Amino acid sequence: MSLLFPTTLVGSYPQPEWLVDRKKLAGRLPPRVRAAELWKIPQELLAEAQDDATIVAIKAQEEAGLDIITDGEIRRESYSNRFATALEGVDIDNPGKAMDRAGKPVPVPRISGRIRRKHPVEVEDLKFLKKHTNRKLKMTVPGPFTMMQQAQNDFYKSDEEAAMDYAAAVNEEMKDLFAAGADIVQVDEPYMQARPERAREYGLKVLNRALDGITGTTAVHICFGYAAIVHQRPSGYSFLPEFADCSCQQVSIETAQSNLDCSVLAKLPGKSIMVGCIDLNDMTVETPQQVVARIKHALPYVPKEHVILAPDCGMKYLPRAVADGKLRAMVEAARLLRAEFA
């Protein structure tokens, strides 16, 4: 019998103050092109420092009691730019501009040729993670629709055509990650919520292309944006029931900060739901009972066997002590839920 109410991160864990300039990180929008200025460590020592910080993130998750472990995305300047800037056909030296979901123009990769994956981007990260934990492993990759929204298209006839090639690159990466031992691979698609009209035009088509032929457990994360940057939350998603037609097994959503009306989850039958139950805008650590109450909002609409506990979004911007406290509260909430519903 599989574990009831498993616990996991959405993806990121806070990077240490000695590794990145967290004031710079918090004082800007998430980078779409490379942002080497965020790292405090000299380039020749950076890879070793990132390895050390990744071990810290892994052990913090284990000590908190999480069931499914990520690498904390410690080596990334943002959730998407490490993968997006590693592709062929993308000019990162002469960036373009695009509107961020906060409505501000930001430098983005400029598509100047055919998008192709040159080599695996995250497989070595996964191998490092596997070497340092015996628990279930999850890796995250940026979604093709979101990467297209975070780029300037100077090559393809249409954004949909470009997104399909992004999808092919993501598909190759996911297959390699599963071959290397990932238990779950999560695709991050926050821009489907931010740009729902375009998402309805071609978002699911390109996402399903990214998932085509994948035999491992796949998840899709859709959110309202980092709490540290997007402070106001709508009370409902503009793009969520549509994921019923996505071939993924899991859908990761936010409920804590937005106080989401969870009845919408009834429209995703058969999907496991990563219920965001940790508010990343509030620096107060939740009690386990508060987390239990948030999960119970979802239980009338999602079978208990299909509920996974997670923070609303990535924990990248939280102070580490706050993140650790919140994770421990989430793990204790899962224990209480298992005792009640087992």
Protein backbone atom coordinates (compact mmCIF):
# COMPACT_ATOMS: atom_id res chain seq x y z
CA MET A 1 0.00 0.00 0.00
CA SER A 2 1.39 3.42 -0.98
CA LEU A 3 1.92 6.07 1.66
CA LEU A 4 -1.06 8.31 2.40
CA PHE A 5 -0.49 12.08 2.34
CA PRO A 6 3.13 12.11 1.10
CA THR A 7 5.06 15.37 1.58
CA THR A 8 7.37 17.20 -0.82
CA LEU A 9 8.68 20.57 -1.94
CA VAL A 10 7.28 22.17 -5.05
CA GLY A 11 10.91 22.47 -6.13
CA SER A 12 13.10 25.11 -4.55
CA TYR A 13 14.58 25.39 -1.06
CA PRO A 14 16.24 28.66 0.12
CA GLN A 15 19.77 29.12 -1.15
CA PRO A 16 22.23 29.98 1.65
CA GLU A 17 23.26 33.60 2.25
CA TRP A 18 26.92 32.63 1.69
CA LEU A 19 26.10 31.31 -1.80
CA VAL A 20 23.82 33.95 -3.32
CA ASP A 21 23.19 37.62 -2.66
CA ARG A 22 19.69 37.20 -1.30
CA LYS A 23 19.05 40.95 -1.19
CA LYS A 24 19.77 41.19 -4.90
CA LEU A 25 17.66 38.09 -5.51
CA ALA A 26 14.67 39.52 -3.65
CA GLY A 27 15.07 43.01 -5.13
CA ARG A 28 14.47 41.99 -8.74
CA LEU A 29 12.13 39.91 -10.87
CA PRO A 30 13.23 36.30 -11.45
CA PRO A 31 15.93 36.33 -14.15
CA ARG A 32 15.10 34.95 -17.60
CA VAL A 33 18.64 35.37 -18.97
CA ARG A 34 21.75 34.45 -16.97
CA ALA A 35 22.36 36.40 -13.75
CA ALA A 36 25.92 35.59 -12.68
CA GLU A 37 25.94 38.66 -10.42
CA LEU A 38 23.70 36.83 -7.92
CA TRP A 39 26.45 34.37 -6.93
CA LYS A 40 28.80 35.36 -4.10
CA ILE A 41 31.33 32.62 -4.86
CA PRO A 42 34.10 33.07 -7.50
CA GLN A 43 33.41 31.20 -10.73
CA GLU A 44 36.26 28.71 -10.22
CA LEU A 45 34.79 27.61 -6.86
CA LEU A 46 31.10 27.96 -7.70
CA ALA A 47 30.34 24.36 -8.75
CA GLU A 48 31.85 22.97 -5.54
CA ALA A 49 29.95 25.54 -3.45
CA GLN A 50 26.68 24.67 -5.22
CA ASP A 51 27.30 20.97 -4.49
CA ASP A 52 27.87 21.76 -0.80
CA ALA A 53 24.71 23.90 -0.61
CA THR A 54 22.72 21.18 -2.39
CA ILE A 55 23.77 18.67 0.29
CA VAL A 56 22.55 21.17 2.91
CA ALA A 57 19.19 21.39 1.11
CA ILE A 58 18.87 17.62 0.84
CA LYS A 59 19.67 17.07 4.52
CA ALA A 60 17.28 19.85 5.57
CA GLN A 61 14.47 18.10 3.70
CA GLU A 62 15.36 14.75 5.23
CA GLU A 63 15.56 16.20 8.74
CA ALA A 64 12.18 17.89 8.28
CA GLY A 65 10.82 14.45 7.33
CA LEU A 66 9.83 14.97 3.68
CA ASP A 67 8.96 11.82 1.77
CA ILE A 68 9.93 13.06 -1.70
CA ILE A 69 13.18 15.01 -2.03
CA THR A 70 14.33 17.56 -4.63
CA ASP A 71 17.78 19.08 -5.10
CA GLY A 72 16.32 22.38 -3.87
CA GLU A 73 17.10 23.96 -7.26
CA ILE A 74 20.22 25.33 -5.54
CA ARG A 75 22.21 25.62 -8.78
CA ARG A 76 19.57 27.75 -10.48
CA GLU A 77 19.28 31.51 -10.61
CA SER A 78 15.58 31.00 -11.33
CA TYR A 79 13.34 28.00 -11.86
CA SER A 80 13.48 28.41 -15.65
CA ASN A 81 16.59 30.23 -16.85
CA ARG A 82 19.14 27.44 -16.32
CA PHE A 83 17.36 25.14 -18.77
CA ALA A 84 16.05 27.84 -21.12
CA THR A 85 19.48 29.39 -21.67
CA ALA A 86 21.15 26.02 -22.35
CA LEU A 87 19.26 25.40 -25.60
CA GLU A 88 20.45 25.78 -29.17
CA GLY A 89 18.71 28.52 -31.15
CA VAL A 90 18.60 30.91 -28.20
CA ASP A 91 20.78 34.05 -28.20
CA ILE A 92 21.54 34.95 -24.59
CA ASP A 93 24.32 37.43 -25.45
CA ASN A 94 21.90 39.69 -27.32
CA PRO A 95 18.71 39.32 -25.28
CA GLY A 96 15.25 40.44 -26.28
CA LYS A 97 12.48 41.82 -24.10
CA ALA A 98 9.16 40.45 -22.91
CA MET A 99 6.58 41.39 -20.32
CA ASP A 100 6.91 39.60 -17.02
CA ARG A 101 3.74 38.33 -15.36
CA ALA A 102 4.09 41.32 -13.01
CA GLY A 103 3.56 43.53 -16.10
CA LYS A 104 7.14 44.82 -16.35
CA PRO A 105 9.51 44.46 -19.32
CA VAL A 106 12.48 42.18 -18.57
CA PRO A 107 15.46 40.90 -20.61
CA VAL A 108 14.68 37.46 -22.03
CA PRO A 109 16.37 34.93 -24.32
CA ARG A 110 15.99 35.91 -27.97
CA ILE A 111 15.05 33.05 -30.28
CA SER A 112 17.37 33.40 -33.26
CA GLY A 113 17.26 29.87 -34.69
CA ARG A 114 15.72 26.44 -34.35
CA ILE A 115 15.32 25.48 -30.69
CA ARG A 116 16.99 22.16 -29.88
CA ARG A 117 18.39 20.58 -26.74
CA LYS A 118 22.15 20.34 -27.19
CA HIS A 119 22.81 18.07 -24.20
CA PRO A 120 21.19 16.96 -20.91
CA VAL A 121 20.92 19.94 -18.58
CA GLU A 122 19.81 18.47 -15.24
CA VAL A 123 20.84 14.81 -15.38
CA GLU A 124 24.07 15.38 -13.44
CA ASP A 125 22.02 17.31 -10.82
CA LEU A 126 19.77 14.26 -10.47
CA LYS A 127 22.72 11.87 -10.17
CA PHE A 128 24.15 14.07 -7.41
CA LEU A 129 20.79 14.07 -5.61
CA LYS A 130 20.50 10.29 -5.93
CA LYS A 131 23.98 9.87 -4.44
CA HIS A 132 22.99 11.78 -1.29
CA THR A 133 19.55 10.43 -0.38
CA ASN A 134 17.70 7.12 -0.38
CA ARG A 135 14.25 8.73 -0.51
CA LYS A 136 12.02 9.22 -3.53
CA LEU A 137 13.40 11.79 -5.96
CA LYS A 138 11.71 14.60 -7.86
CA MET A 139 13.25 16.90 -10.47
CA THR A 140 11.63 19.98 -11.99
CA VAL A 141 11.89 21.40 -15.51
CA PRO A 142 10.40 24.60 -16.95
CA GLY A 143 7.41 24.06 -19.21
CA PRO A 144 7.42 24.78 -22.95
CA PHE A 145 4.52 27.24 -22.84
CA THR A 146 6.13 29.22 -20.01
CA MET A 147 9.54 29.31 -21.71
CA MET A 148 7.91 30.67 -24.88
CA GLN A 149 6.24 33.46 -22.85
CA GLN A 150 9.67 34.26 -21.39
CA ALA A 151 11.36 34.64 -24.78
CA GLN A 152 11.39 37.00 -27.76
CA ASN A 153 10.55 35.11 -30.96
CA ASP A 154 12.69 36.42 -33.82
CA PHE A 155 12.77 33.19 -35.81
CA TYR A 156 9.55 31.17 -35.89
CA LYS A 157 6.42 32.06 -37.85
CA SER A 158 4.33 31.64 -34.70
CA ASP A 159 4.83 31.36 -30.95
CA GLU A 160 3.03 28.01 -31.05
CA GLU A 161 5.61 26.63 -33.49
CA ALA A 162 8.41 27.80 -31.18
CA ALA A 163 6.66 26.31 -28.15
CA MET A 164 6.42 22.94 -29.89
CA ASP A 165 10.21 22.87 -30.28
CA TYR A 166 10.58 23.89 -26.63
CA ALA A 167 8.28 20.92 -25.88
CA ALA A 168 10.50 18.54 -27.84
CA ALA A 169 13.52 19.73 -25.82
CA VAL A 170 11.65 19.25 -22.52
CA ASN A 171 10.52 15.79 -23.65
CA GLU A 172 14.11 14.71 -24.31
CA GLU A 173 15.21 16.05 -20.92
CA MET A 174 12.40 14.28 -19.07
CA LYS A 175 13.16 10.95 -20.72
CA ASP A 176 16.80 11.27 -19.71
CA LEU A 177 15.85 12.20 -16.14
CA PHE A 178 13.64 9.13 -15.77
CA ALA A 179 16.34 6.94 -17.33
CA ALA A 180 18.78 8.31 -14.73
CA GLY A 181 16.49 7.37 -11.82
CA ALA A 182 13.97 10.16 -11.19
CA ASP A 183 10.77 8.97 -9.52
CA ILE A 184 8.81 12.10 -10.46
CA VAL A 185 9.50 14.87 -12.96
CA GLN A 186 7.53 18.08 -12.54
CA VAL A 187 6.92 20.59 -15.34
CA ASP A 188 6.52 24.19 -14.15
CA GLU A 189 3.89 26.07 -16.17
CA PRO A 190 2.98 29.21 -14.17
CA TYR A 191 2.33 31.23 -17.33
CA MET A 192 -0.70 29.13 -18.15
CA GLN A 193 -2.32 30.89 -15.19
CA ALA A 194 -0.83 34.27 -16.14
CA ARG A 195 -1.79 34.05 -19.85
CA PRO A 196 -4.93 31.87 -19.90
CA GLU A 197 -6.18 32.98 -23.34
CA ARG A 198 -2.93 31.95 -25.02
CA ALA A 199 -2.83 28.81 -22.87
CA ARG A 200 -6.24 27.82 -24.23
CA GLU A 201 -4.98 28.35 -27.79
CA TYR A 202 -2.00 26.01 -27.61
CA GLY A 203 -0.81 25.49 -24.01
CA LEU A 204 -2.13 21.98 -23.46
CA LYS A 205 -1.09 20.93 -26.96
CA VAL A 206 2.56 21.80 -26.31
CA LEU A 207 2.48 20.46 -22.75
CA ASN A 208 1.13 17.11 -23.92
CA ARG A 209 3.87 17.09 -26.58
CA ALA A 210 6.43 17.52 -23.78
CA LEU A 211 4.87 14.54 -21.96
CA ASP A 212 4.53 12.34 -25.05
CA GLY A 213 5.90 8.84 -24.54
CA ILE A 214 6.88 9.48 -20.91
CA THR A 215 6.28 6.41 -18.75
CA GLY A 216 7.32 7.79 -15.34
CA THR A 217 5.19 9.82 -12.91
CA THR A 218 4.75 13.37 -14.19
CA ALA A 219 3.47 16.48 -12.42
CA VAL A 220 2.55 19.98 -13.59
CA HIS A 221 2.87 23.00 -11.30
CA ILE A 222 0.66 26.02 -11.91
CA CYS A 223 0.79 29.00 -9.56
CA PHE A 224 0.03 32.68 -9.08
CA GLY A 225 3.71 33.68 -8.89
CA TYR A 226 6.23 33.88 -6.05
CA ALA A 227 4.66 35.35 -2.90
CA ALA A 228 7.73 37.56 -2.44
CA ILE A 229 6.96 39.25 -5.78
CA VAL A 230 3.22 38.82 -6.43
CA HIS A 231 1.53 39.79 -3.16
CA GLN A 232 -2.11 39.88 -4.22
CA ARG A 233 -3.77 36.56 -5.02
CA PRO A 234 -6.99 35.93 -6.90
CA SER A 235 -9.33 33.56 -5.09
CA GLY A 236 -9.47 31.21 -8.07
CA TYR A 237 -7.48 29.98 -11.05
CA SER A 238 -8.12 31.31 -14.55
CA PHE A 239 -6.70 28.07 -16.02
CA LEU A 240 -7.05 24.84 -14.04
CA PRO A 241 -9.96 22.55 -15.04
CA GLU A 242 -8.31 22.34 -18.46
CA PHE A 243 -5.62 20.10 -16.95
CA ALA A 244 -8.16 17.27 -16.95
CA ASP A 245 -7.06 16.88 -20.59
CA CYS A 246 -3.35 16.84 -19.71
CA SER A 247 -1.57 13.48 -19.71
CA CYS A 248 0.23 14.22 -16.41
CA GLN A 249 -0.60 12.20 -13.29
CA GLN A 250 -0.22 15.04 -10.74
CA VAL A 251 -1.26 18.70 -10.67
CA SER A 252 0.40 21.08 -8.19
CA ILE A 253 -1.74 24.04 -7.06
CA GLU A 254 -1.79 26.78 -4.41
CA THR A 255 -4.53 26.95 -1.79
CA ALA A 256 -2.98 28.51 1.34
CA GLN A 257 -2.31 32.16 0.54
CA SER A 258 -5.24 32.48 -1.88
CA ASN A 259 -7.66 30.55 0.36
CA LEU A 260 -8.67 28.73 -2.83
CA ASP A 261 -12.19 27.39 -3.24
CA CYS A 262 -11.17 23.75 -3.57
CA SER A 263 -14.42 22.67 -5.24
CA VAL A 264 -12.65 23.32 -8.58
CA LEU A 265 -10.52 20.23 -7.86
CA ALA A 266 -13.54 18.03 -8.55
CA LYS A 267 -12.99 18.94 -12.21
CA LEU A 268 -9.67 17.05 -12.23
CA PRO A 269 -10.87 13.47 -11.69
CA GLY A 270 -8.14 10.86 -11.63
CA LYS A 271 -5.35 13.37 -11.00
CA SER A 272 -3.31 13.34 -7.83
CA ILE A 273 -3.28 16.87 -6.42
CA MET A 274 -0.26 18.47 -4.81
CA VAL A 275 -2.25 20.67 -2.40
CA GLY A 276 -0.32 23.85 -1.63
CA CYS A 277 -0.91 24.10 2.13
CA ILE A 278 1.95 26.38 3.26
CA ASP A 279 1.55 30.18 2.91
CA LEU A 280 4.83 31.62 1.63
CA ASN A 281 3.76 35.23 2.13
CA ASP A 282 3.42 34.79 5.91
CA MET A 283 6.67 34.50 7.87
CA THR A 284 4.76 32.97 10.79
CA VAL A 285 5.23 29.19 10.90
CA GLU A 286 1.89 27.44 10.62
CA THR A 287 0.74 25.02 13.30
CA PRO A 288 0.23 21.45 12.08
CA GLN A 289 -3.47 21.91 12.84
CA GLN A 290 -3.65 24.87 10.44
CA VAL A 291 -2.08 22.76 7.72
CA VAL A 292 -4.50 19.89 8.43
CA ALA A 293 -7.42 22.31 8.08
CA ARG A 294 -6.16 23.48 4.68
CA ILE A 295 -5.82 19.92 3.44
CA LYS A 296 -9.33 19.11 4.66
CA HIS A 297 -10.68 21.86 2.40
CA ALA A 298 -9.57 19.68 -0.52
CA LEU A 299 -10.67 16.28 0.78
CA PRO A 300 -14.36 16.55 -0.23
CA TYR A 301 -13.17 16.87 -3.85
CA VAL A 302 -10.01 14.74 -4.03
CA PRO A 303 -9.72 11.14 -2.73
CA LYS A 304 -7.30 10.99 0.19
CA GLU A 305 -5.13 8.55 -1.79
CA HIS A 306 -4.57 11.31 -4.36
CA VAL A 307 -3.55 14.11 -1.99
CA ILE A 308 0.09 15.23 -1.69
CA LEU A 309 1.18 17.92 0.78
CA ALA A 310 3.44 20.71 -0.51
CA PRO A 311 4.09 24.43 -0.06
CA ASP A 312 2.11 26.76 -2.31
CA CYS A 313 5.13 27.36 -4.55
CA GLY A 314 8.92 27.28 -4.39
CA MET A 315 10.48 28.29 -1.04
CA LYS A 316 13.41 30.10 -2.71
CA TYR A 317 12.71 33.51 -1.15
CA LEU A 318 12.00 32.41 2.44
CA PRO A 319 14.53 32.69 5.29
CA ARG A 320 15.86 29.19 5.86
CA ALA A 321 14.71 29.01 9.49
CA VAL A 322 11.17 29.90 8.43
CA ALA A 323 11.25 27.38 5.59
CA ASP A 324 12.47 24.62 7.91
CA GLY A 325 9.76 25.38 10.48
CA LYS A 326 7.05 25.35 7.84
CA LEU A 327 8.26 22.03 6.43
CA ARG A 328 8.26 20.43 9.87
CA ALA A 329 4.69 21.67 10.44
CA MET A 330 3.66 20.17 7.09
CA VAL A 331 5.24 16.82 7.92
CA GLU A 332 3.51 16.74 11.33
CA ALA A 333 0.22 17.61 9.62
CA ALA A 334 0.68 14.64 7.32
CA ARG A 335 1.27 12.41 10.34
CA LEU A 336 -1.95 13.67 11.95
CA LEU A 337 -3.88 13.10 8.72
CA ARG A 338 -2.56 9.56 8.39
CA ALA A 339 -3.57 8.80 11.96
CA GLU A 340 -7.07 10.10 11.28
CA PHE A 341 -7.69 8.64 7.82
CA ALA A 342 -5.58 5.47 7.64
